[in-house]
Amino acid sequence: MSPATLRLLIDRARAASELAQARHGNARRAEDQARVHLTMLRQYAGEYDERARAKPGDSRDPSADRNQVAFMARLQVAIDTQAAEVEARANAAAAAAAQVAVCLQRQKSLEALDQRRIRQEQQVAARRDQKNTDEFAQRAADQSASHQLETIPGRET
């Protein structure tokens, strides 16, 4: 794989990771908002129930009692619906977190592949430099040896 292609894949993986992290952040915020709403509904239901119990039961109108029971039933449905919404948003946040993990793993794998490619290129360059240095040293040694043979007194060349 060419270095340019690998860089392109890394950049795309990085962008996908950032997008997945943004989605996860949005999903977590939505989950938090749903939890706050659920807490408010539960708190309101508790306060309403306390107020209803604080009123003397004998002096109330039967239709008011029926209205109160019907309202509490609707409020309980709203609480149950909101609890289901919280669960759905928590599941969405968990799925988004899993997607972030997958994207980050892919990005890290591509970056590791790029680092391996760079190390291999450096090793090839180091071997080439060492070979050139060895050849240069060998030629220098050969020239030095031939020069020494030429300068030996009484020896004709």
N, C-alpha and C. Protein backbone atom coordinates (compact mmCIF):
# COMPACT_ATOMS: atom_id res chain seq x y z
N MET A 1 0.86 -1.17 0.00
CA MET A 1 0.00 0.00 0.00
C MET A 1 0.90 1.23 0.00
N SER A 2 0.55 2.17 -0.83
CA SER A 2 1.38 3.37 -0.94
C SER A 2 1.21 4.24 0.30
N PRO A 3 2.25 5.01 0.63
CA PRO A 3 2.17 5.89 1.79
C PRO A 3 1.03 6.90 1.68
N ALA A 4 0.78 7.40 0.48
CA ALA A 4 -0.30 8.38 0.30
C ALA A 4 -1.66 7.75 0.58
N THR A 5 -1.85 6.52 0.10
CA THR A 5 -3.11 5.81 0.34
C THR A 5 -3.28 5.55 1.83
N LEU A 6 -2.22 5.13 2.47
CA LEU A 6 -2.28 4.86 3.90
C LEU A 6 -2.59 6.13 4.68
N ARG A 7 -1.97 7.25 4.31
CA ARG A 7 -2.27 8.53 4.99
C ARG A 7 -3.73 8.91 4.80
N LEU A 8 -4.25 8.69 3.59
CA LEU A 8 -5.65 8.99 3.31
C LEU A 8 -6.56 8.13 4.19
N LEU A 9 -6.25 6.84 4.30
CA LEU A 9 -7.04 5.95 5.15
C LEU A 9 -6.97 6.37 6.62
N ILE A 10 -5.80 6.78 7.07
CA ILE A 10 -5.65 7.24 8.46
C ILE A 10 -6.47 8.51 8.68
N ASP A 11 -6.41 9.43 7.74
CA ASP A 11 -7.19 10.67 7.87
C ASP A 11 -8.69 10.38 7.91
N ARG A 12 -9.13 9.45 7.07
CA ARG A 12 -10.56 9.09 7.07
C ARG A 12 -10.94 8.39 8.37
N ALA A 13 -10.06 7.54 8.86
CA ALA A 13 -10.34 6.84 10.13
C ALA A 13 -10.39 7.84 11.28
N ARG A 14 -9.50 8.83 11.24
CA ARG A 14 -9.49 9.87 12.27
C ARG A 14 -10.80 10.68 12.22
N ALA A 15 -11.23 11.02 11.01
CA ALA A 15 -12.49 11.77 10.86
C ALA A 15 -13.67 10.93 11.33
N ALA A 16 -13.66 9.64 11.01
CA ALA A 16 -14.75 8.76 11.46
C ALA A 16 -14.74 8.65 12.98
N SER A 17 -13.57 8.61 13.59
CA SER A 17 -13.47 8.55 15.06
C SER A 17 -14.02 9.82 15.68
N GLU A 18 -13.67 10.95 15.11
CA GLU A 18 -14.17 12.22 15.64
C GLU A 18 -15.68 12.31 15.51
N LEU A 19 -16.20 11.87 14.38
CA LEU A 19 -17.65 11.88 14.17
C LEU A 19 -18.34 10.94 15.15
N ALA A 20 -17.78 9.76 15.36
CA ALA A 20 -18.35 8.80 16.30
C ALA A 20 -18.32 9.36 17.73
N GLN A 21 -17.23 10.05 18.06
CA GLN A 21 -17.15 10.65 19.40
C GLN A 21 -18.18 11.75 19.57
N ALA A 22 -18.42 12.53 18.53
CA ALA A 22 -19.45 13.58 18.60
C ALA A 22 -20.83 12.95 18.75
N ARG A 23 -21.09 11.88 18.00
CA ARG A 23 -22.38 11.19 18.14
C ARG A 23 -22.55 10.62 19.55
N HIS A 24 -21.47 10.06 20.07
CA HIS A 24 -21.54 9.52 21.43
C HIS A 24 -21.81 10.62 22.44
N GLY A 25 -21.16 11.76 22.28
CA GLY A 25 -21.41 12.89 23.18
C GLY A 25 -22.86 13.36 23.11
N ASN A 26 -23.38 13.44 21.90
CA ASN A 26 -24.79 13.83 21.73
C ASN A 26 -25.73 12.80 22.37
N ALA A 27 -25.41 11.54 22.19
CA ALA A 27 -26.26 10.48 22.76
C ALA A 27 -26.21 10.53 24.29
N ARG A 28 -25.04 10.80 24.84
CA ARG A 28 -24.92 10.90 26.31
C ARG A 28 -25.71 12.10 26.83
N ARG A 29 -25.63 13.22 26.12
CA ARG A 29 -26.40 14.41 26.54
C ARG A 29 -27.90 14.14 26.47
N ALA A 30 -28.33 13.47 25.41
CA ALA A 30 -29.75 13.13 25.28
C ALA A 30 -30.18 12.19 26.40
N GLU A 31 -29.32 11.26 26.74
CA GLU A 31 -29.64 10.34 27.85
C GLU A 31 -29.73 11.11 29.17
N ASP A 32 -28.79 12.00 29.39
CA ASP A 32 -28.81 12.81 30.62
C ASP A 32 -30.08 13.66 30.70
N GLN A 33 -30.46 14.27 29.58
CA GLN A 33 -31.68 15.09 29.57
C GLN A 33 -32.92 14.24 29.85
N ALA A 34 -32.95 13.05 29.29
CA ALA A 34 -34.09 12.15 29.53
C ALA A 34 -34.13 11.74 31.00
N ARG A 35 -32.97 11.50 31.60
CA ARG A 35 -32.93 11.14 33.03
C ARG A 35 -33.41 12.31 33.90
N VAL A 36 -33.00 13.52 33.55
CA VAL A 36 -33.45 14.69 34.29
C VAL A 36 -34.97 14.82 34.20
N HIS A 37 -35.50 14.64 33.01
CA HIS A 37 -36.94 14.73 32.80
C HIS A 37 -37.66 13.65 33.62
N LEU A 38 -37.12 12.44 33.63
CA LEU A 38 -37.71 11.35 34.41
C LEU A 38 -37.69 11.68 35.90
N THR A 39 -36.58 12.22 36.36
CA THR A 39 -36.48 12.61 37.77
C THR A 39 -37.51 13.67 38.12
N MET A 40 -37.67 14.64 37.22
CA MET A 40 -38.66 15.69 37.47
C MET A 40 -40.08 15.12 37.52
N LEU A 41 -40.40 14.20 36.61
CA LEU A 41 -41.72 13.58 36.62
C LEU A 41 -41.96 12.80 37.91
N ARG A 42 -40.97 12.04 38.32
CA ARG A 42 -41.11 11.26 39.56
C ARG A 42 -41.26 12.18 40.78
N GLN A 43 -40.48 13.25 40.77
CA GLN A 43 -40.57 14.20 41.88
C GLN A 43 -41.95 14.86 41.91
N TYR A 44 -42.45 15.25 40.75
CA TYR A 44 -43.77 15.87 40.67
C TYR A 44 -44.84 14.88 41.14
N ALA A 45 -44.74 13.63 40.72
CA ALA A 45 -45.73 12.62 41.13
C ALA A 45 -45.70 12.44 42.65
N GLY A 46 -44.52 12.43 43.22
CA GLY A 46 -44.40 12.30 44.67
C GLY A 46 -45.00 13.48 45.40
N GLU A 47 -44.71 14.68 44.92
CA GLU A 47 -45.26 15.89 45.55
C GLU A 47 -46.78 15.93 45.41
N TYR A 48 -47.29 15.56 44.24
CA TYR A 48 -48.74 15.57 44.01
C TYR A 48 -49.41 14.56 44.94
N ASP A 49 -48.80 13.40 45.06
CA ASP A 49 -49.36 12.36 45.94
C ASP A 49 -49.35 12.82 47.40
N GLU A 50 -48.27 13.49 47.81
CA GLU A 50 -48.21 14.01 49.19
C GLU A 50 -49.31 15.05 49.44
N ARG A 51 -49.52 15.95 48.49
CA ARG A 51 -50.57 16.96 48.64
C ARG A 51 -51.94 16.32 48.70
N ALA A 52 -52.14 15.30 47.90
CA ALA A 52 -53.44 14.63 47.88
C ALA A 52 -53.69 13.91 49.21
N ARG A 53 -52.68 13.34 49.79
CA ARG A 53 -52.83 12.64 51.06
C ARG A 53 -52.99 13.61 52.22
N ALA A 54 -52.46 14.79 52.05
CA ALA A 54 -52.54 15.78 53.13
C ALA A 54 -53.96 16.32 53.28
N LYS A 55 -54.76 16.27 52.23
CA LYS A 55 -56.14 16.75 52.29
C LYS A 55 -57.00 15.70 53.01
N PRO A 56 -57.90 16.15 53.82
CA PRO A 56 -58.79 15.18 54.47
C PRO A 56 -59.67 14.49 53.43
N GLY A 57 -59.78 13.17 53.52
CA GLY A 57 -60.52 12.39 52.54
C GLY A 57 -62.03 12.53 52.64
N ASP A 58 -62.58 12.85 53.80
CA ASP A 58 -64.04 12.91 53.95
C ASP A 58 -64.65 14.13 53.28
N SER A 59 -63.89 15.22 53.23
CA SER A 59 -64.46 16.46 52.72
C SER A 59 -64.32 16.60 51.21
N ARG A 60 -63.76 15.60 50.56
CA ARG A 60 -63.55 15.71 49.12
C ARG A 60 -64.73 15.15 48.36
N ASP A 61 -64.86 15.65 47.20
CA ASP A 61 -65.91 15.24 46.27
C ASP A 61 -65.49 13.91 45.61
N PRO A 62 -66.38 12.96 45.42
CA PRO A 62 -66.03 11.70 44.75
C PRO A 62 -65.51 11.92 43.32
N SER A 63 -66.05 12.90 42.63
CA SER A 63 -65.55 13.17 41.28
C SER A 63 -64.11 13.71 41.33
N ALA A 64 -63.79 14.47 42.36
CA ALA A 64 -62.42 14.96 42.52
C ALA A 64 -61.48 13.79 42.80
N ASP A 65 -61.95 12.81 43.57
CA ASP A 65 -61.14 11.62 43.82
C ASP A 65 -60.89 10.85 42.52
N ARG A 66 -61.93 10.70 41.72
CA ARG A 66 -61.79 10.00 40.44
C ARG A 66 -60.82 10.77 39.52
N ASN A 67 -60.93 12.08 39.51
CA ASN A 67 -60.01 12.90 38.69
C ASN A 67 -58.57 12.73 39.16
N GLN A 68 -58.42 12.70 40.47
CA GLN A 68 -57.06 12.55 41.02
C GLN A 68 -56.49 11.18 40.64
N VAL A 69 -57.29 10.13 40.77
CA VAL A 69 -56.83 8.79 40.41
C VAL A 69 -56.51 8.73 38.92
N ALA A 70 -57.35 9.31 38.10
CA ALA A 70 -57.11 9.32 36.65
C ALA A 70 -55.84 10.11 36.32
N PHE A 71 -55.66 11.24 36.99
CA PHE A 71 -54.45 12.04 36.75
C PHE A 71 -53.20 11.27 37.17
N MET A 72 -53.24 10.61 38.32
CA MET A 72 -52.09 9.83 38.79
C MET A 72 -51.79 8.68 37.82
N ALA A 73 -52.85 8.10 37.26
CA ALA A 73 -52.65 7.02 36.29
C ALA A 73 -51.96 7.57 35.03
N ARG A 74 -52.41 8.73 34.55
CA ARG A 74 -51.77 9.34 33.38
C ARG A 74 -50.33 9.75 33.70
N LEU A 75 -50.12 10.24 34.89
CA LEU A 75 -48.77 10.61 35.31
C LEU A 75 -47.87 9.37 35.38
N GLN A 76 -48.41 8.26 35.85
CA GLN A 76 -47.62 7.02 35.90
C GLN A 76 -47.29 6.53 34.50
N VAL A 77 -48.23 6.68 33.57
CA VAL A 77 -47.96 6.31 32.17
C VAL A 77 -46.84 7.19 31.63
N ALA A 78 -46.89 8.47 31.93
CA ALA A 78 -45.82 9.38 31.48
C ALA A 78 -44.48 8.97 32.09
N ILE A 79 -44.48 8.59 33.35
CA ILE A 79 -43.24 8.16 34.01
C ILE A 79 -42.72 6.88 33.36
N ASP A 80 -43.61 5.92 33.11
CA ASP A 80 -43.19 4.67 32.47
C ASP A 80 -42.65 4.91 31.06
N THR A 81 -43.33 5.79 30.33
CA THR A 81 -42.88 6.13 28.98
C THR A 81 -41.51 6.79 29.02
N GLN A 82 -41.33 7.70 29.96
CA GLN A 82 -40.04 8.39 30.08
C GLN A 82 -38.95 7.41 30.52
N ALA A 83 -39.28 6.46 31.38
CA ALA A 83 -38.29 5.45 31.80
C ALA A 83 -37.87 4.61 30.59
N ALA A 84 -38.83 4.27 29.73
CA ALA A 84 -38.49 3.54 28.50
C ALA A 84 -37.62 4.40 27.58
N GLU A 85 -37.90 5.69 27.54
CA GLU A 85 -37.09 6.61 26.73
C GLU A 85 -35.66 6.68 27.27
N VAL A 86 -35.53 6.73 28.58
CA VAL A 86 -34.19 6.75 29.20
C VAL A 86 -33.43 5.49 28.83
N GLU A 87 -34.11 4.35 28.90
CA GLU A 87 -33.47 3.09 28.56
C GLU A 87 -33.05 3.07 27.09
N ALA A 88 -33.92 3.54 26.22
CA ALA A 88 -33.60 3.58 24.79
C ALA A 88 -32.40 4.49 24.52
N ARG A 89 -32.39 5.63 25.18
CA ARG A 89 -31.26 6.55 24.99
C ARG A 89 -29.98 6.00 25.59
N ALA A 90 -30.09 5.28 26.69
CA ALA A 90 -28.90 4.64 27.28
C ALA A 90 -28.36 3.57 26.33
N ASN A 91 -29.26 2.81 25.70
CA ASN A 91 -28.82 1.82 24.72
C ASN A 91 -28.17 2.48 23.51
N ALA A 92 -28.73 3.59 23.07
CA ALA A 92 -28.15 4.33 21.94
C ALA A 92 -26.76 4.86 22.31
N ALA A 93 -26.62 5.34 23.54
CA ALA A 93 -25.31 5.84 23.99
C ALA A 93 -24.31 4.70 24.07
N ALA A 94 -24.75 3.54 24.54
CA ALA A 94 -23.85 2.38 24.60
C ALA A 94 -23.43 1.94 23.20
N ALA A 95 -24.37 1.95 22.27
CA ALA A 95 -24.03 1.60 20.88
C ALA A 95 -23.06 2.61 20.28
N ALA A 96 -23.27 3.88 20.59
CA ALA A 96 -22.35 4.93 20.11
C ALA A 96 -20.97 4.75 20.71
N ALA A 97 -20.91 4.36 21.98
CA ALA A 97 -19.61 4.13 22.63
C ALA A 97 -18.90 2.95 21.97
N ALA A 98 -19.65 1.92 21.63
CA ALA A 98 -19.06 0.77 20.94
C ALA A 98 -18.53 1.18 19.57
N GLN A 99 -19.27 2.04 18.89
CA GLN A 99 -18.82 2.52 17.58
C GLN A 99 -17.54 3.35 17.71
N VAL A 100 -17.46 4.14 18.76
CA VAL A 100 -16.24 4.92 19.02
C VAL A 100 -15.06 3.97 19.20
N ALA A 101 -15.27 2.91 19.97
CA ALA A 101 -14.20 1.94 20.21
C ALA A 101 -13.74 1.29 18.90
N VAL A 102 -14.69 0.93 18.05
CA VAL A 102 -14.35 0.31 16.76
C VAL A 102 -13.56 1.29 15.90
N CYS A 103 -14.02 2.53 15.84
CA CYS A 103 -13.34 3.54 15.01
C CYS A 103 -11.93 3.82 15.53
N LEU A 104 -11.80 3.94 16.85
CA LEU A 104 -10.47 4.19 17.42
C LEU A 104 -9.54 3.01 17.18
N GLN A 105 -10.06 1.79 17.28
CA GLN A 105 -9.24 0.61 17.03
C GLN A 105 -8.76 0.58 15.58
N ARG A 106 -9.65 0.91 14.66
CA ARG A 106 -9.26 0.94 13.25
C ARG A 106 -8.20 2.01 13.01
N GLN A 107 -8.41 3.18 13.60
CA GLN A 107 -7.44 4.27 13.45
C GLN A 107 -6.09 3.85 14.00
N LYS A 108 -6.08 3.25 15.18
CA LYS A 108 -4.81 2.82 15.79
C LYS A 108 -4.14 1.74 14.95
N SER A 109 -4.92 0.85 14.38
CA SER A 109 -4.35 -0.19 13.53
C SER A 109 -3.67 0.41 12.30
N LEU A 110 -4.36 1.36 11.68
CA LEU A 110 -3.77 2.01 10.50
C LEU A 110 -2.52 2.81 10.87
N GLU A 111 -2.56 3.48 12.01
CA GLU A 111 -1.39 4.23 12.45
C GLU A 111 -0.22 3.29 12.77
N ALA A 112 -0.52 2.13 13.35
CA ALA A 112 0.53 1.14 13.63
C ALA A 112 1.11 0.62 12.32
N LEU A 113 0.25 0.39 11.35
CA LEU A 113 0.72 -0.04 10.03
C LEU A 113 1.63 1.02 9.41
N ASP A 114 1.26 2.27 9.54
CA ASP A 114 2.08 3.36 9.02
C ASP A 114 3.42 3.42 9.74
N GLN A 115 3.41 3.26 11.05
CA GLN A 115 4.67 3.28 11.82
C GLN A 115 5.56 2.11 11.41
N ARG A 116 4.96 0.95 11.18
CA ARG A 116 5.73 -0.22 10.74
C ARG A 116 6.36 0.06 9.39
N ARG A 117 5.59 0.68 8.48
CA ARG A 117 6.11 1.01 7.15
C ARG A 117 7.28 1.99 7.28
N ILE A 118 7.14 2.98 8.14
CA ILE A 118 8.22 3.96 8.34
C ILE A 118 9.47 3.27 8.89
N ARG A 119 9.28 2.37 9.88
CA ARG A 119 10.44 1.66 10.44
C ARG A 119 11.12 0.81 9.38
N GLN A 120 10.33 0.14 8.53
CA GLN A 120 10.91 -0.68 7.47
C GLN A 120 11.70 0.19 6.49
N GLU A 121 11.15 1.33 6.13
CA GLU A 121 11.87 2.24 5.24
C GLU A 121 13.17 2.72 5.88
N GLN A 122 13.12 3.00 7.17
CA GLN A 122 14.33 3.43 7.88
C GLN A 122 15.36 2.31 7.94
N GLN A 123 14.90 1.07 8.13
CA GLN A 123 15.83 -0.05 8.16
C GLN A 123 16.48 -0.26 6.79
N VAL A 124 15.69 -0.14 5.73
CA VAL A 124 16.23 -0.27 4.38
C VAL A 124 17.26 0.82 4.12
N ALA A 125 16.93 2.04 4.52
CA ALA A 125 17.87 3.16 4.33
C ALA A 125 19.14 2.93 5.17
N ALA A 126 18.98 2.45 6.40
CA ALA A 126 20.14 2.20 7.25
C ALA A 126 21.02 1.11 6.65
N ARG A 127 20.41 0.04 6.12
CA ARG A 127 21.19 -1.03 5.47
C ARG A 127 21.92 -0.50 4.24
N ARG A 128 21.23 0.33 3.46
CA ARG A 128 21.85 0.90 2.26
C ARG A 128 23.03 1.79 2.66
N ASP A 129 22.85 2.62 3.68
CA ASP A 129 23.94 3.48 4.15
C ASP A 129 25.11 2.64 4.65
N GLN A 130 24.79 1.56 5.40
CA GLN A 130 25.85 0.69 5.92
C GLN A 130 26.59 0.01 4.78
N LYS A 131 25.86 -0.43 3.76
CA LYS A 131 26.49 -1.07 2.60
C LYS A 131 27.41 -0.08 1.90
N ASN A 132 26.91 1.16 1.69
CA ASN A 132 27.74 2.18 1.05
C ASN A 132 28.99 2.48 1.88
N THR A 133 28.82 2.56 3.18
CA THR A 133 29.96 2.82 4.06
C THR A 133 30.95 1.67 3.99
N ASP A 134 30.46 0.43 4.01
CA ASP A 134 31.35 -0.73 3.93
C ASP A 134 32.10 -0.77 2.61
N GLU A 135 31.39 -0.48 1.51
CA GLU A 135 32.03 -0.46 0.19
C GLU A 135 33.09 0.63 0.13
N PHE A 136 32.77 1.80 0.67
CA PHE A 136 33.73 2.90 0.67
C PHE A 136 34.96 2.51 1.48
N ALA A 137 34.73 1.92 2.65
CA ALA A 137 35.85 1.51 3.50
C ALA A 137 36.67 0.43 2.81
N GLN A 138 36.03 -0.49 2.11
CA GLN A 138 36.75 -1.54 1.41
C GLN A 138 37.60 -0.97 0.29
N ARG A 139 37.02 -0.04 -0.48
CA ARG A 139 37.79 0.60 -1.56
C ARG A 139 38.98 1.37 -0.99
N ALA A 140 38.73 2.08 0.09
CA ALA A 140 39.82 2.84 0.72
C ALA A 140 40.91 1.90 1.20
N ALA A 141 40.51 0.77 1.77
CA ALA A 141 41.50 -0.21 2.25
C ALA A 141 42.25 -0.82 1.08
N ASP A 142 41.53 -1.12 -0.01
CA ASP A 142 42.18 -1.67 -1.20
C ASP A 142 43.16 -0.68 -1.80
N GLN A 143 42.80 0.59 -1.88
CA GLN A 143 43.69 1.61 -2.42
C GLN A 143 44.90 1.79 -1.51
N SER A 144 44.67 1.76 -0.23
CA SER A 144 45.77 1.92 0.71
C SER A 144 46.73 0.75 0.59
N ALA A 145 46.20 -0.44 0.44
CA ALA A 145 47.06 -1.63 0.30
C ALA A 145 47.84 -1.57 -1.00
N SER A 146 47.21 -1.18 -2.11
CA SER A 146 47.92 -1.12 -3.38
C SER A 146 48.95 0.01 -3.36
N HIS A 147 48.65 1.09 -2.67
CA HIS A 147 49.60 2.19 -2.55
C HIS A 147 50.81 1.76 -1.72
N GLN A 148 50.60 0.98 -0.71
CA GLN A 148 51.70 0.50 0.13
C GLN A 148 52.57 -0.45 -0.66
N LEU A 149 51.96 -1.27 -1.52
CA LEU A 149 52.75 -2.18 -2.34
C LEU A 149 53.60 -1.40 -3.34
N GLU A 150 53.12 -0.31 -3.85
CA GLU A 150 53.85 0.50 -4.81
C GLU A 150 55.02 1.21 -4.15
N THR A 151 54.93 1.50 -2.90
CA THR A 151 55.97 2.28 -2.24
C THR A 151 57.00 1.41 -1.51
N ILE A 152 56.93 0.12 -1.67
CA ILE A 152 57.93 -0.76 -1.02
C ILE A 152 59.23 -0.61 -1.81
N PRO A 153 60.35 -0.27 -1.11
CA PRO A 153 61.61 -0.11 -1.82
C PRO A 153 62.10 -1.42 -2.43
N GLY A 154 62.62 -1.35 -3.62
CA GLY A 154 63.19 -2.49 -4.33
C GLY A 154 62.15 -3.29 -5.06
N ARG A 155 60.99 -2.82 -5.03
CA ARG A 155 59.93 -3.55 -5.72
C ARG A 155 59.57 -2.75 -6.97
N GLU A 156 59.51 -3.42 -8.05
CA GLU A 156 59.18 -2.76 -9.29
C GLU A 156 57.74 -3.03 -9.63
N THR A 157 57.17 -2.04 -10.15
CA THR A 157 55.78 -2.19 -10.54
C THR A 157 55.61 -2.15 -12.02
